[in-house]
Every structure is written in structure tokens, then in C-alpha cells.
């Protein structure tokens, strides 16, 4: 299984397999990938904050509704009408 993997390239050593242009291109690609990851992490952080804010808003509306319904007393004095017997 270990034979199927390609050996790691040592960028520090003067590797004859890689030209200087290829090494520079690899560095550019790595930098672009780091920038992309940082952007994605920032977006994920903003999404979590937005999700928590929306969740807190929904939860507070729910709690307010429960509290408001508990305060209503207009049905407490409601008398059931007398039934007419035939």
C-alpha cells in the first residue's frame, strides 16, 4: 500500500525534478489556497453569528408569546351558557 503513494518532494533541497518556475507556481497556489480558506472561515463565522441572532430572535418571540398568553384573563370569567332542556 505504501508503494502506491508518490514520494514527498523536498522543496528546500536542490531537487532536479522541479524547476524554479514550478516551485514559484506551487508557492503561488499555496498562497491562493490560504486566502481562499481564510475567506471561507470568515464567511462561516458570519453565518454562525447570523444563525445565532435569528435563533435568539425566534426564541425571544416564542417566550414573549407564552408570557403574553399567560397574562390574558378574558376567558377566566367566561360562564358557559345554560343548556335548554326539551
C-alpha atoms as a PDB file:
ATOM      1  CA  UNK A   1       0.000   0.000   0.000  1.00  0.00           C
ATOM      2  CA  UNK A   2       2.890   2.369   0.733  1.00  0.00           C
ATOM      3  CA  UNK A   3       4.224   1.839  -2.802  1.00  0.00           C
ATOM      4  CA  UNK A   4       1.181   3.478  -4.398  1.00  0.00           C
ATOM      5  CA  UNK A   5       1.994   6.909  -2.933  1.00  0.00           C
ATOM      6  CA  UNK A   6       4.414   9.238  -4.620  1.00  0.00           C
ATOM      7  CA  UNK A   7       7.372  10.393  -2.523  1.00  0.00           C
ATOM      8  CA  UNK A   8       7.225  13.842  -0.965  1.00  0.00           C
ATOM      9  CA  UNK A   9       9.202  16.500  -2.716  1.00  0.00           C
ATOM     10  CA  UNK A  10      11.787  18.294  -0.658  1.00  0.00           C
ATOM     11  CA  UNK A  11      11.452  21.913  -1.704  1.00  0.00           C
ATOM     12  CA  UNK A  12      14.423  23.089   0.328  1.00  0.00           C
ATOM     13  CA  UNK A  13      16.933  20.802  -1.346  1.00  0.00           C
ATOM     14  CA  UNK A  14      18.062  21.429  -4.876  1.00  0.00           C
ATOM     15  CA  UNK A  15      15.692  18.876  -6.351  1.00  0.00           C
ATOM     16  CA  UNK A  16      16.493  18.327 -10.024  1.00  0.00           C
ATOM     17  CA  UNK A  17      12.918  17.220 -10.644  1.00  0.00           C
ATOM     18  CA  UNK A  18      11.490  20.686 -10.020  1.00  0.00           C
ATOM     19  CA  UNK A  19      12.396  23.818 -11.856  1.00  0.00           C
ATOM     20  CA  UNK A  20      12.456  27.209 -10.208  1.00  0.00           C
ATOM     21  CA  UNK A  21       9.300  28.299 -12.063  1.00  0.00           C
ATOM     22  CA  UNK A  22       7.447  25.212 -10.816  1.00  0.00           C
ATOM     23  CA  UNK A  23       8.423  25.964  -7.209  1.00  0.00           C
ATOM     24  CA  UNK A  24       7.253  29.568  -7.566  1.00  0.00           C
ATOM     25  CA  UNK A  25       3.975  28.371  -9.080  1.00  0.00           C
ATOM     26  CA  UNK A  26       3.488  25.958  -6.143  1.00  0.00           C
ATOM     27  CA  UNK A  27       4.040  28.829  -3.693  1.00  0.00           C
ATOM     28  CA  UNK A  28       1.508  30.998  -5.535  1.00  0.00           C
ATOM     29  CA  UNK A  29      -1.060  28.186  -5.467  1.00  0.00           C
ATOM     30  CA  UNK A  30      -0.461  27.591  -1.745  1.00  0.00           C
ATOM     31  CA  UNK A  31      -0.916  31.321  -1.027  1.00  0.00           C
ATOM     32  CA  UNK A  32      -4.158  31.451  -3.060  1.00  0.00           C
ATOM     33  CA  UNK A  33      -5.404  28.379  -1.192  1.00  0.00           C
ATOM     34  CA  UNK A  34      -4.612  30.009   2.186  1.00  0.00           C
ATOM     35  CA  UNK A  35      -6.525  33.145   1.128  1.00  0.00           C
ATOM     36  CA  UNK A  36      -9.480  31.031  -0.003  1.00  0.00           C
ATOM     37  CA  UNK A  37      -9.551  29.148   3.293  1.00  0.00           C
ATOM     38  CA  UNK A  38      -9.419  32.421   5.264  1.00  0.00           C
ATOM     39  CA  UNK A  39     -12.353  33.812   3.257  1.00  0.00           C
ATOM     40  CA  UNK A  40     -14.357  30.628   3.823  1.00  0.00           C
ATOM     41  CA  UNK A  41     -13.620  30.733   7.554  1.00  0.00           C
ATOM     42  CA  UNK A  42     -14.761  34.368   7.726  1.00  0.00           C
ATOM     43  CA  UNK A  43     -17.977  33.529   5.882  1.00  0.00           C
ATOM     44  CA  UNK A  44     -18.604  30.557   8.175  1.00  0.00           C
ATOM     45  CA  UNK A  45     -18.102  32.773  11.236  1.00  0.00           C
ATOM     46  CA  UNK A  46     -20.560  35.367   9.894  1.00  0.00           C
ATOM     47  CA  UNK A  47     -23.053  32.596   9.110  1.00  0.00           C
ATOM     48  CA  UNK A  48     -22.827  31.252  12.675  1.00  0.00           C
ATOM     49  CA  UNK A  49     -23.353  34.735  14.131  1.00  0.00           C
ATOM     50  CA  UNK A  50     -26.357  35.301  11.858  1.00  0.00           C
ATOM     51  CA  UNK A  51     -27.784  31.893  12.783  1.00  0.00           C
ATOM     52  CA  UNK A  52     -27.438  32.572  16.488  1.00  0.00           C
ATOM     53  CA  UNK A  53     -29.039  36.024  16.087  1.00  0.00           C
ATOM     54  CA  UNK A  54     -32.015  34.613  14.173  1.00  0.00           C
ATOM     55  CA  UNK A  55     -32.362  31.771  16.681  1.00  0.00           C
ATOM     56  CA  UNK A  56     -32.282  34.206  19.599  1.00  0.00           C
ATOM     57  CA  UNK A  57     -34.936  36.354  17.900  1.00  0.00           C
ATOM     58  CA  UNK A  58     -37.221  33.382  17.316  1.00  0.00           C
ATOM     59  CA  UNK A  59     -36.725  32.123  20.868  1.00  0.00           C
ATOM     60  CA  UNK A  60     -37.450  35.560  22.350  1.00  0.00           C
ATOM     61  CA  UNK A  61     -40.652  35.904  20.276  1.00  0.00           C
ATOM     62  CA  UNK A  62     -41.708  32.451  21.465  1.00  0.00           C
ATOM     63  CA  UNK A  63     -41.061  33.334  25.120  1.00  0.00           C
ATOM     64  CA  UNK A  64     -42.868  36.664  24.752  1.00  0.00           C
ATOM     65  CA  UNK A  65     -45.873  34.894  23.216  1.00  0.00           C
ATOM     66  CA  UNK A  66     -46.037  32.375  26.065  1.00  0.00           C
ATOM     67  CA  UNK A  67     -45.719  35.166  28.643  1.00  0.00           C
ATOM     68  CA  UNK A  68     -48.406  37.296  26.950  1.00  0.00           C
ATOM     69  CA  UNK A  69     -50.877  34.403  26.745  1.00  0.00           C
ATOM     70  CA  UNK A  70     -50.409  33.636  30.453  1.00  0.00           C
ATOM     71  CA  UNK A  71     -51.423  37.215  31.322  1.00  0.00           C
ATOM     72  CA  UNK A  72     -54.712  37.143  29.429  1.00  0.00           C
ATOM     73  CA  UNK A  73     -57.697  36.673  31.732  1.00  0.00           C
ATOM     74  CA  UNK A  74     -60.693  37.393  29.479  1.00  0.00           C
ATOM     75  CA  UNK A  75     -61.639  33.685  29.386  1.00  0.00           C
ATOM     76  CA  UNK A  76     -61.362  33.233  33.163  1.00  0.00           C
ATOM     77  CA  UNK A  77     -64.740  34.916  33.817  1.00  0.00           C
ATOM     78  CA  UNK A  78     -66.479  33.192  30.947  1.00  0.00           C
ATOM     79  CA  UNK A  79     -69.609  31.384  32.099  1.00  0.00           C
ATOM     80  CA  UNK A  80     -70.898  28.568  29.998  1.00  0.00           C
ATOM     81  CA  UNK A  81     -74.452  29.241  28.818  1.00  0.00           C
ATOM     82  CA  UNK A  82     -77.206  27.223  30.395  1.00  0.00           C
ATOM     83  CA  UNK A  83     -78.381  24.293  28.353  1.00  0.00           C
ATOM     84  CA  UNK A  84     -82.019  24.244  27.366  1.00  0.00           C
ATOM     85  CA  UNK A  85     -83.736  21.009  28.119  1.00  0.00           C
ATOM     86  CA  UNK A  86     -86.601  19.837  25.938  1.00  0.00           C
END
